[in-house]
Amino acid sequence: MNNEGDLLQEDSRDEDNETEGSRMRKLRRTRKKVTKSHISSTAIEEMDMPNSKDDTGDSTQIPKVPQVSSRMKHIKQEMAKNHLQFVRFEATDLHGVSRSKSIPAHFFQEKVAQGVLMPRGYLESIPNPKGGSDVDHLRATCFHSDIVLRPELSTFRALPWAARTARVICEPVTVTGEPVRTSPRHLARRQLRRLRGAGFSLLSAFLYDFCLFGLPEAMHPKTVSFPAPLLLGDHHQPFLQELVVGLDGAGATVESFSSSTRPGQVELCLRPAFGIGAADNAFTLRAGVQEVARKHNYITSFFVETGLCNSGILSHSLWDVGGKNNLFCTGTGTCTSTCTSTRTEPTQLLSTTGRRWLAGLLQHSAALSCLLAPAGSCRKRYSKERQDPKDRVPATWGYNDNSCAFNVKCHGERGARVENNLGSATANPYLVLAATVAAGLDGLQGSGDALPGPEGDSPGLGPAPPPPRIPLKLEDALAALEEDACLPTGPRRHVHSVFCGHEET
């Protein structure tokens, strides 16, 4: 069967001898042939997805056949150039871990049209319910059913750290073509679509800490790994350099990297991206770190070890839909001059839009903390500097203060932005993005912009609400998430599935 490029070439051979009507009839026949080549309508919808300033990741119109052909032509050229032999169809599970199926490259076009089947349980791995006899039959059937990985072709990249292998990020759909409601990426795109409908776009980036452990040459059951001591020494430079260069080739550009506060801890800061691209980049980083480390005989962990905090910070700002103006700035364009003034009150560094957004984050901080710090060990850092640890701690914010839950920064060429410091490196980046947008949108829809100042007052903004409090126990955070009507239903059910053993129907 000819591909669409061959068909279009056949139609153009005698173009000079054809009338306008003949050419139009030929084009219609060509489109019918392409449609018959197993490119389904749902696949076409995802084939030409933008990956920069489109906050939704959704196309409002089905791309035309030439657009589909152009995307596939580019991918085929990439396969030939890099001698690619395998393609991974990757999706995130509830924990943010990559789950994939690989196919031989010559089956790629066929699998783009048909999708790749995967057991739903691979993406919804949850503890087995106690007492098998109590499992609801419908839920068990749903959990053990197949789903289809539908690729987003704009995310196709050759993997520099995997020989002759490429990957494409997918979203799962049911066998009948409906979105899987527990898909973290689907939830994030849904919230970004709401944000875009309100007239905003999101520019954001993740900053991650992870731990690097060295291994001896010989492994046996009693082997104990140890932290790599000097991460920026000459001995460790090959790993870091290959990681940073490889991530850039895979589409996740690293702006900076360094050793962090503890031996064996590395900090990576990704370059900001609009829309779903920021979470896609974080997803790429999390998988890439693991694979490159193994090549250099290291083991890496994003998990929060005892006494060691691995952060997963989301730095973000609101822009207009065209991505031209930062709407957190108090003036037009950039707000460098305003932000660098030492006489400016911290609350005045943000525009009304920025203050309302921040108010939404503060209001929902208790529920947010459940999604952003989804393990008991993650939450210990909330009270690590308190002399009198209690069950709850106040949600704080400040200007250029990294110890606060929400840190407002205005220095730098991108203008004002808010760092959400509640997150740990174990959190799923798509859920972090979805929950942050949902909470911020709720703040934008509110009528007030009064914020407690860094010292608990509210200078010049009227009476401020009492500072919200973040529970330290995961059980209390789960209760706060369940009671929060703002955050998406999907993330609430996700967390209960993961930590309570409940299944999504």
Protein backbone atom coordinates (compact mmCIF):
# COMPACT_ATOMS: atom_id res chain seq x y z
CA MET A 1 0.00 0.00 0.00
CA ASN A 2 1.43 3.43 -0.95
CA ASN A 3 1.93 6.01 1.77
CA GLU A 4 0.49 9.48 1.54
CA GLY A 5 3.74 10.97 0.19
CA ASP A 6 3.77 8.52 -2.75
CA LEU A 7 0.10 9.19 -3.47
CA LEU A 8 0.59 12.95 -3.58
CA GLN A 9 3.61 12.48 -5.84
CA GLU A 10 1.59 10.35 -8.27
CA ASP A 11 -1.12 13.02 -8.39
CA SER A 12 1.36 15.77 -9.34
CA ARG A 13 3.05 14.07 -12.33
CA ASP A 14 0.70 15.38 -15.02
CA GLU A 15 -0.28 18.58 -13.24
CA ASP A 16 0.45 20.81 -16.24
CA ASN A 17 -1.99 18.90 -18.45
CA GLU A 18 -4.90 18.89 -16.01
CA THR A 19 -7.73 21.37 -15.69
CA GLU A 20 -8.61 22.95 -12.34
CA GLY A 21 -11.63 20.67 -11.98
CA SER A 22 -9.54 17.60 -12.76
CA ARG A 23 -7.00 18.57 -10.11
CA MET A 24 -9.73 19.02 -7.51
CA ARG A 25 -11.20 15.60 -8.29
CA LYS A 26 -7.75 14.06 -8.07
CA LEU A 27 -7.13 15.69 -4.68
CA ARG A 28 -10.43 14.33 -3.34
CA ARG A 29 -9.49 10.82 -4.50
CA THR A 30 -6.08 11.19 -2.86
CA ARG A 31 -7.62 12.13 0.48
CA LYS A 32 -9.92 9.13 0.30
CA LYS A 33 -6.93 6.86 -0.33
CA VAL A 34 -5.05 8.33 2.61
CA THR A 35 -8.08 7.84 4.84
CA LYS A 36 -8.26 4.22 3.77
CA SER A 37 -4.62 3.69 4.76
CA HIS A 38 -5.75 3.10 8.34
CA ILE A 39 -5.10 6.65 9.60
CA SER A 40 -8.05 6.94 11.95
CA SER A 41 -9.73 10.24 12.74
CA THR A 42 -8.62 10.06 16.37
CA ALA A 43 -5.02 9.53 15.31
CA ILE A 44 -5.21 12.48 12.91
CA GLU A 45 -6.43 14.71 15.71
CA GLU A 46 -3.21 14.06 17.66
CA MET A 47 -0.74 14.00 14.76
CA ASP A 48 0.08 17.67 14.50
CA MET A 49 -0.17 18.86 18.07
CA PRO A 50 1.74 22.05 18.88
CA ASN A 51 4.35 21.74 21.62
CA SER A 52 5.26 25.32 22.51
CA LYS A 53 2.71 28.00 23.27
CA ASP A 54 -0.45 25.91 22.99
CA ASP A 55 -1.69 25.47 26.54
CA THR A 56 -4.17 22.78 25.75
CA GLY A 57 -2.28 20.27 23.71
CA ASP A 58 -5.58 19.90 21.86
CA SER A 59 -6.23 20.85 18.28
CA THR A 60 -9.40 22.82 17.67
CA GLN A 61 -9.47 21.59 14.09
CA ILE A 62 -8.48 18.29 12.54
CA PRO A 63 -5.20 18.85 10.65
CA LYS A 64 -5.41 18.65 6.90
CA VAL A 65 -3.84 15.77 5.02
CA PRO A 66 -0.78 17.82 3.92
CA GLN A 67 -0.08 18.64 7.60
CA VAL A 68 -0.26 14.98 8.57
CA SER A 69 1.92 14.07 5.63
CA SER A 70 4.47 16.73 6.58
CA ARG A 71 4.72 15.47 10.15
CA MET A 72 5.15 11.86 9.05
CA LYS A 73 7.66 12.88 6.40
CA HIS A 74 9.75 14.65 9.04
CA ILE A 75 9.65 11.60 11.33
CA LYS A 76 10.68 9.28 8.51
CA GLN A 77 13.62 11.55 7.73
CA GLU A 78 14.59 11.50 11.41
CA MET A 79 14.43 7.70 11.45
CA ALA A 80 16.66 7.43 8.38
CA LYS A 81 19.15 10.04 9.60
CA ASN A 82 19.64 8.39 12.98
CA HIS A 83 19.26 4.79 11.72
CA LEU A 84 16.46 4.25 14.22
CA GLN A 85 15.33 0.67 14.67
CA PHE A 86 12.92 0.92 17.62
CA VAL A 87 10.31 3.38 18.90
CA ARG A 88 8.99 3.51 22.45
CA PHE A 89 5.37 4.44 23.02
CA GLU A 90 5.58 6.02 26.50
CA ALA A 91 2.92 7.09 28.98
CA THR A 92 3.04 8.08 32.63
CA ASP A 93 1.54 6.00 35.40
CA LEU A 94 -0.04 7.48 38.52
CA HIS A 95 3.38 7.91 40.15
CA GLY A 96 4.96 9.74 37.20
CA VAL A 97 6.98 6.68 36.18
CA SER A 98 7.39 5.96 32.48
CA ARG A 99 5.55 2.88 31.23
CA SER A 100 6.26 1.96 27.64
CA LYS A 101 6.05 -0.57 24.86
CA SER A 102 8.67 -0.67 22.11
CA ILE A 103 8.01 -1.56 18.50
CA PRO A 104 10.28 -2.09 15.49
CA ALA A 105 10.58 1.18 13.58
CA HIS A 106 9.14 -0.23 10.35
CA PHE A 107 5.80 -0.74 12.15
CA PHE A 108 5.66 2.88 13.34
CA GLN A 109 3.21 4.30 10.80
CA GLU A 110 0.87 1.36 11.31
CA LYS A 111 0.96 1.76 15.11
CA VAL A 112 0.39 5.51 14.86
CA ALA A 113 -2.91 4.78 13.15
CA GLN A 114 -3.96 1.86 15.32
CA GLY A 115 -2.29 2.70 18.65
CA VAL A 116 -0.46 0.26 20.92
CA LEU A 117 -2.36 -1.91 23.37
CA MET A 118 -1.35 -2.00 27.03
CA PRO A 119 -3.04 -3.49 30.11
CA ARG A 120 -4.67 -0.68 32.07
CA GLY A 121 -3.16 -2.01 35.27
CA TYR A 122 0.33 -0.98 34.05
CA LEU A 123 -0.69 2.68 34.36
CA GLU A 124 -2.92 2.31 37.43
CA SER A 125 -0.72 0.15 39.65
CA ILE A 126 -2.29 0.25 43.10
CA PRO A 127 -2.09 -1.90 46.21
CA ASN A 128 -4.19 -5.05 46.10
CA PRO A 129 -7.42 -4.59 48.08
CA LYS A 130 -7.56 -6.51 51.33
CA GLY A 131 -9.67 -9.63 51.02
CA GLY A 132 -10.02 -10.62 47.39
CA SER A 133 -13.63 -11.67 47.91
CA ASP A 134 -14.63 -8.05 48.53
CA VAL A 135 -13.43 -6.76 45.15
CA ASP A 136 -16.22 -5.29 43.07
CA HIS A 137 -16.44 -7.22 39.80
CA LEU A 138 -16.95 -4.15 37.61
CA ARG A 139 -13.96 -2.36 39.09
CA ALA A 140 -11.75 -5.41 38.74
CA THR A 141 -12.84 -5.83 35.12
CA CYS A 142 -12.07 -2.17 34.37
CA PHE A 143 -8.67 -2.37 36.05
CA HIS A 144 -7.66 -5.46 34.07
CA SER A 145 -8.94 -4.21 30.72
CA ASP A 146 -6.81 -3.08 27.78
CA ILE A 147 -6.20 0.53 26.85
CA VAL A 148 -4.69 2.05 23.71
CA LEU A 149 -1.61 4.28 23.74
CA ARG A 150 -2.30 7.08 21.27
CA PRO A 151 0.88 8.99 20.31
CA GLU A 152 1.32 12.74 20.08
CA LEU A 153 3.66 13.02 17.12
CA SER A 154 5.04 16.43 18.09
CA THR A 155 6.83 14.69 20.99
CA PHE A 156 8.71 12.23 18.75
CA ARG A 157 12.43 12.35 19.58
CA ALA A 158 15.45 10.14 19.05
CA LEU A 159 16.87 9.19 22.46
CA PRO A 160 20.58 10.07 22.61
CA TRP A 161 21.18 7.65 25.51
CA ALA A 162 19.48 4.63 23.87
CA ALA A 163 21.05 3.10 20.78
CA ARG A 164 18.94 3.50 17.65
CA THR A 165 15.82 4.14 19.68
CA ALA A 166 13.24 6.94 19.62
CA ARG A 167 10.28 7.65 21.83
CA VAL A 168 6.92 9.34 21.50
CA ILE A 169 4.75 10.46 24.43
CA CYS A 170 1.27 8.97 24.40
CA GLU A 171 -2.04 9.43 26.10
CA PRO A 172 -4.14 6.37 26.90
CA VAL A 173 -7.63 5.98 25.52
CA THR A 174 -10.12 3.18 25.92
CA VAL A 175 -10.60 0.64 23.16
CA THR A 176 -13.67 2.65 22.12
CA GLY A 177 -11.59 5.83 21.75
CA GLU A 178 -12.61 7.68 24.92
CA PRO A 179 -9.97 9.37 27.12
CA VAL A 180 -8.89 7.43 30.18
CA ARG A 181 -10.04 9.73 32.97
CA THR A 182 -7.25 8.64 35.30
CA SER A 183 -4.55 9.73 32.83
CA PRO A 184 -2.44 12.44 34.54
CA ARG A 185 -1.54 14.02 31.19
CA HIS A 186 -5.20 14.17 30.18
CA LEU A 187 -6.02 15.90 33.48
CA ALA A 188 -3.24 18.45 32.97
CA ARG A 189 -4.36 19.27 29.45
CA ARG A 190 -7.95 19.64 30.61
CA GLN A 191 -6.94 22.25 33.20
CA LEU A 192 -4.74 24.06 30.65
CA ARG A 193 -7.73 24.13 28.30
CA ARG A 194 -9.77 25.84 31.06
CA LEU A 195 -6.95 28.33 31.57
CA ARG A 196 -6.78 29.12 27.89
CA GLY A 197 -10.54 29.57 27.78
CA ALA A 198 -10.15 32.25 30.47
CA GLY A 199 -7.65 34.11 28.27
CA PHE A 200 -4.34 32.99 29.80
CA SER A 201 -1.36 30.81 28.98
CA LEU A 202 1.08 29.26 31.44
CA LEU A 203 4.86 29.48 31.22
CA SER A 204 6.44 27.06 33.68
CA ALA A 205 9.46 24.93 34.44
CA PHE A 206 10.37 22.24 36.96
CA LEU A 207 13.46 22.20 39.16
CA TYR A 208 14.40 18.75 40.49
CA ASP A 209 16.75 17.33 43.07
CA PHE A 210 17.78 13.69 42.88
CA CYS A 211 20.26 11.48 44.69
CA LEU A 212 23.17 9.82 42.92
CA PHE A 213 24.61 6.61 44.33
CA GLY A 214 27.79 4.84 43.23
CA LEU A 215 28.09 1.08 43.00
CA PRO A 216 31.09 -1.23 43.28
CA GLU A 217 32.10 -3.29 40.28
CA ALA A 218 30.93 -6.56 41.85
CA MET A 219 27.36 -6.87 43.13
CA HIS A 220 26.13 -9.37 45.71
CA PRO A 221 23.16 -9.54 48.12
CA LYS A 222 25.00 -7.64 50.87
CA THR A 223 26.23 -4.82 48.65
CA VAL A 224 25.39 -1.36 49.99
CA SER A 225 25.33 1.65 47.67
CA PHE A 226 26.96 4.87 48.79
CA PRO A 227 26.42 8.54 47.85
CA ALA A 228 28.69 9.95 45.18
CA PRO A 229 30.75 12.48 47.15
CA LEU A 230 31.77 15.31 44.80
CA LEU A 231 29.32 15.48 41.96
CA LEU A 232 31.06 18.21 40.03
CA GLY A 233 34.50 16.66 40.23
CA ASP A 234 36.26 15.46 37.08
CA HIS A 235 35.26 11.86 37.80
CA HIS A 236 31.54 12.65 37.58
CA GLN A 237 31.60 15.16 34.72
CA PRO A 238 31.06 12.53 31.97
CA PHE A 239 27.77 11.46 33.54
CA LEU A 240 26.48 15.00 34.01
CA GLN A 241 27.58 16.13 30.57
CA GLU A 242 26.01 13.16 28.80
CA LEU A 243 22.83 13.67 30.82
CA VAL A 244 22.49 17.39 30.03
CA VAL A 245 23.37 16.99 26.33
CA GLY A 246 21.08 13.97 26.04
CA LEU A 247 18.12 15.72 27.65
CA ASP A 248 18.55 18.64 25.27
CA GLY A 249 18.48 16.22 22.33
CA ALA A 250 15.33 14.63 23.75
CA GLY A 251 13.61 18.02 23.92
CA ALA A 252 14.05 18.79 27.65
CA THR A 253 16.62 21.59 27.79
CA VAL A 254 18.50 22.01 31.08
CA GLU A 255 19.25 25.63 31.97
CA SER A 256 21.56 24.85 34.89
CA PHE A 257 22.83 21.98 37.01
CA SER A 258 24.87 21.74 40.18
CA SER A 259 25.56 19.69 43.24
CA SER A 260 23.00 20.43 45.93
CA THR A 261 23.06 20.65 49.72
CA ARG A 262 24.08 17.05 50.49
CA PRO A 263 26.75 14.70 49.11
CA GLY A 264 25.30 12.75 46.23
CA GLN A 265 22.47 15.24 45.57
CA VAL A 266 22.15 16.91 42.16
CA GLU A 267 19.96 19.86 41.17
CA LEU A 268 18.68 20.24 37.60
CA CYS A 269 16.70 23.27 36.41
CA LEU A 270 14.74 22.91 33.16
CA ARG A 271 14.11 25.70 30.68
CA PRO A 272 10.55 27.13 30.88
CA ALA A 273 7.99 26.03 28.31
CA PHE A 274 4.41 27.00 27.58
CA GLY A 275 1.52 24.65 28.29
CA ILE A 276 1.90 20.89 28.60
CA GLY A 277 5.51 21.09 27.39
CA ALA A 278 6.79 21.82 30.91
CA ALA A 279 5.34 18.57 32.30
CA ASP A 280 6.47 16.63 29.22
CA ASN A 281 10.01 17.89 29.80
CA ALA A 282 9.90 16.88 33.47
CA PHE A 283 8.62 13.43 32.47
CA THR A 284 11.52 13.13 30.00
CA LEU A 285 14.03 14.20 32.63
CA ARG A 286 12.83 11.67 35.20
CA ALA A 287 13.20 8.79 32.73
CA GLY A 288 16.46 10.05 31.21
CA VAL A 289 18.24 10.43 34.55
CA GLN A 290 17.66 6.78 35.37
CA GLU A 291 18.88 5.46 32.02
CA VAL A 292 22.01 7.61 31.73
CA ALA A 293 22.99 6.82 35.32
CA ARG A 294 22.90 3.10 34.65
CA LYS A 295 25.31 3.54 31.74
CA HIS A 296 27.82 5.11 34.18
CA ASN A 297 27.31 2.52 36.90
CA TYR A 298 25.25 4.80 39.12
CA ILE A 299 21.86 4.40 40.72
CA THR A 300 19.64 7.48 41.03
CA SER A 301 16.62 8.10 43.20
CA PHE A 302 14.01 10.85 43.30
CA PHE A 303 12.57 9.37 46.47
CA VAL A 304 13.00 11.39 49.65
CA GLU A 305 15.42 9.50 51.85
CA THR A 306 15.42 9.90 55.62
CA GLY A 307 16.83 13.31 56.50
CA LEU A 308 17.27 14.30 52.84
CA CYS A 309 14.84 16.41 50.85
CA ASN A 310 14.56 15.98 47.09
CA SER A 311 12.54 18.95 45.87
CA GLY A 312 10.31 19.17 42.82
CA ILE A 313 9.66 22.91 42.43
CA LEU A 314 7.28 24.33 39.82
CA SER A 315 8.18 27.88 38.79
CA HIS A 316 5.39 29.47 36.77
CA SER A 317 3.79 32.67 35.52
CA LEU A 318 0.66 33.66 33.60
CA TRP A 319 0.92 35.22 30.16
CA ASP A 320 -1.59 36.29 27.56
CA VAL A 321 -2.72 33.65 25.08
CA GLY A 322 -0.17 34.85 22.52
CA GLY A 323 2.68 34.53 25.02
CA LYS A 324 3.69 38.19 24.62
CA ASN A 325 3.12 39.72 28.07
CA ASN A 326 3.73 38.45 31.58
CA LEU A 327 0.46 39.13 33.41
CA PHE A 328 2.04 38.77 36.85
CA CYS A 329 3.94 42.01 36.24
CA THR A 330 2.49 45.25 37.56
CA GLY A 331 3.23 47.18 34.36
CA THR A 332 3.19 46.41 30.64
CA GLY A 333 5.77 44.10 29.20
CA THR A 334 8.52 43.09 31.59
CA CYS A 335 8.58 44.30 35.18
CA THR A 336 12.32 44.40 35.82
CA SER A 337 12.41 48.06 36.89
CA THR A 338 9.53 47.65 39.33
CA CYS A 339 10.85 44.43 40.77
CA THR A 340 14.35 45.71 41.39
CA SER A 341 13.14 48.64 43.45
CA THR A 342 13.99 48.04 47.10
CA ARG A 343 11.24 50.45 48.14
CA THR A 344 8.44 48.37 46.64
CA GLU A 345 6.27 46.39 49.07
CA PRO A 346 6.36 42.63 48.39
CA THR A 347 2.59 42.51 47.78
CA GLN A 348 2.92 45.26 45.16
CA LEU A 349 5.41 43.29 43.09
CA LEU A 350 2.55 41.23 41.71
CA SER A 351 -0.29 42.52 39.57
CA THR A 352 -3.90 42.04 40.65
CA THR A 353 -3.95 38.90 38.49
CA GLY A 354 -0.83 37.62 40.22
CA ARG A 355 -2.18 38.34 43.72
CA ARG A 356 -5.44 36.54 42.98
CA TRP A 357 -3.58 33.57 41.54
CA LEU A 358 -1.34 33.41 44.62
CA ALA A 359 -4.39 33.72 46.89
CA GLY A 360 -5.87 30.65 45.19
CA LEU A 361 -2.66 28.67 45.77
CA LEU A 362 -2.63 29.66 49.44
CA GLN A 363 -6.31 28.87 49.92
CA HIS A 364 -5.93 25.34 48.53
CA SER A 365 -2.43 24.66 49.87
CA ALA A 366 -3.58 21.88 52.23
CA ALA A 367 -5.14 19.89 49.38
CA LEU A 368 -2.28 20.77 47.03
CA SER A 369 0.23 19.35 49.47
CA CYS A 370 -1.37 15.92 49.15
CA LEU A 371 -0.68 15.79 45.41
CA LEU A 372 2.69 17.54 45.57
CA ALA A 373 4.08 15.58 48.54
CA PRO A 374 2.39 12.17 48.16
CA ALA A 375 4.52 10.20 50.65
CA GLY A 376 4.94 10.47 54.39
CA SER A 377 8.67 11.14 54.17
CA CYS A 378 8.06 14.02 51.71
CA ARG A 379 6.12 15.95 54.31
CA LYS A 380 8.78 16.00 57.02
CA ARG A 381 10.52 18.94 55.37
CA TYR A 382 7.43 21.13 55.96
CA SER A 383 8.42 21.31 59.63
CA LYS A 384 12.18 20.69 59.48
CA GLU A 385 13.03 24.23 60.66
CA ARG A 386 10.34 24.49 63.35
CA GLN A 387 11.33 24.17 66.99
CA ASP A 388 7.82 23.20 68.07
CA PRO A 389 6.53 20.66 65.51
CA LYS A 390 2.75 20.44 65.37
CA ASP A 391 0.17 18.62 63.28
CA ARG A 392 -0.12 21.57 60.90
CA VAL A 393 2.12 24.39 59.74
CA PRO A 394 1.09 27.71 58.16
CA ALA A 395 1.30 28.08 54.40
CA THR A 396 3.68 31.00 53.87
CA TRP A 397 4.67 33.16 50.95
CA GLY A 398 7.38 35.73 50.49
CA TYR A 399 9.47 37.74 48.08
CA ASN A 400 12.79 36.13 47.16
CA ASP A 401 12.53 33.75 50.13
CA ASN A 402 13.20 30.11 49.27
CA SER A 403 12.00 28.92 52.68
CA CYS A 404 8.37 29.86 51.91
CA ALA A 405 5.78 27.53 50.43
CA PHE A 406 5.23 30.04 47.61
CA ASN A 407 8.17 32.22 46.65
CA VAL A 408 7.60 35.31 44.46
CA LYS A 409 10.58 36.12 42.25
CA CYS A 410 10.86 39.12 39.99
CA HIS A 411 14.55 39.26 39.10
CA GLY A 412 15.59 37.93 35.70
CA GLU A 413 14.51 38.64 32.15
CA ARG A 414 11.22 36.71 32.40
CA GLY A 415 9.72 38.97 35.04
CA ALA A 416 7.51 38.01 37.95
CA ARG A 417 6.88 34.34 38.67
CA VAL A 418 5.76 32.16 41.56
CA GLU A 419 7.71 29.13 42.74
CA ASN A 420 5.49 26.41 44.19
CA ASN A 421 7.85 24.90 46.77
CA LEU A 422 5.34 22.42 48.21
CA GLY A 423 6.39 19.74 45.74
CA SER A 424 8.77 16.85 46.20
CA ALA A 425 10.64 15.06 43.44
CA THR A 426 8.39 12.02 43.90
CA ALA A 427 5.27 13.84 42.70
CA ASN A 428 3.83 13.24 39.24
CA PRO A 429 4.64 16.42 37.21
CA TYR A 430 1.36 16.26 35.30
CA LEU A 431 -0.65 16.18 38.53
CA VAL A 432 1.46 19.00 39.96
CA LEU A 433 0.71 21.12 36.88
CA ALA A 434 -3.01 20.24 36.86
CA ALA A 435 -3.52 20.93 40.57
CA THR A 436 -1.57 24.22 40.50
CA VAL A 437 -3.61 25.50 37.56
CA ALA A 438 -6.90 24.45 39.17
CA ALA A 439 -6.06 26.22 42.44
CA GLY A 440 -4.79 29.34 40.67
CA LEU A 441 -7.87 29.52 38.45
CA ASP A 442 -10.08 29.39 41.50
CA GLY A 443 -8.18 32.38 42.86
CA LEU A 444 -8.64 34.29 39.60
CA GLN A 445 -12.39 33.70 39.77
CA GLY A 446 -12.55 35.10 43.31
CA SER A 447 -13.46 38.67 44.10
CA GLY A 448 -10.58 39.59 46.42
CA ASP A 449 -6.83 39.91 46.11
CA ALA A 450 -5.95 40.48 49.77
CA LEU A 451 -2.87 38.56 50.83
CA PRO A 452 -1.26 38.25 54.22
CA GLY A 453 2.14 39.90 54.09
CA PRO A 454 5.33 37.96 54.74
CA GLU A 455 4.98 38.83 58.44
CA GLY A 456 1.26 38.03 58.60
CA ASP A 457 -0.11 41.53 57.87
CA SER A 458 -1.80 42.78 54.74
CA PRO A 459 -0.28 46.16 53.84
CA GLY A 460 -2.68 48.42 51.98
CA LEU A 461 -4.92 45.57 50.80
CA GLY A 462 -7.59 45.47 53.46
CA PRO A 463 -8.33 42.62 55.85
CA ALA A 464 -6.43 39.49 54.91
CA PRO A 465 -7.70 35.98 55.49
CA PRO A 466 -5.95 33.95 58.17
CA PRO A 467 -3.01 32.00 56.76
CA PRO A 468 -4.07 28.50 55.72
CA ARG A 469 -2.39 25.57 57.41
CA ILE A 470 -0.81 22.53 55.82
CA PRO A 471 -1.22 19.15 57.55
CA LEU A 472 1.96 17.22 58.22
CA LYS A 473 0.32 13.80 58.25
CA LEU A 474 -0.56 12.28 54.91
CA GLU A 475 -3.90 11.03 56.24
CA ASP A 476 -4.92 14.59 57.10
CA ALA A 477 -3.78 15.83 53.69
CA LEU A 478 -5.92 13.14 52.04
CA ALA A 479 -8.91 14.35 54.05
CA ALA A 480 -8.21 17.94 52.96
CA LEU A 481 -8.03 16.85 49.32
CA GLU A 482 -11.31 14.99 49.60
CA GLU A 483 -13.02 18.04 51.08
CA ASP A 484 -11.59 20.45 48.49
CA ALA A 485 -14.21 21.08 45.80
CA CYS A 486 -11.84 23.07 43.58
CA LEU A 487 -9.18 20.56 42.59
CA PRO A 488 -10.05 18.21 39.73
CA THR A 489 -11.97 15.07 40.57
CA GLY A 490 -9.36 13.00 38.75
CA PRO A 491 -6.38 13.89 40.99
CA ARG A 492 -8.45 13.31 44.13
CA ARG A 493 -9.35 9.83 42.95
CA HIS A 494 -5.76 9.23 41.82
CA VAL A 495 -4.39 9.79 45.29
CA HIS A 496 -7.04 7.68 46.96
CA SER A 497 -6.33 4.91 44.46
CA VAL A 498 -2.60 5.02 45.16
CA PHE A 499 -2.71 5.32 48.94
CA CYS A 500 -6.01 3.77 49.91
CA GLY A 501 -6.35 0.90 47.44
CA HIS A 502 -9.54 2.22 45.82
CA GLU A 503 -9.94 1.63 42.11
CA GLU A 504 -11.25 3.99 39.47
CA THR A 505 -14.39 2.80 37.74
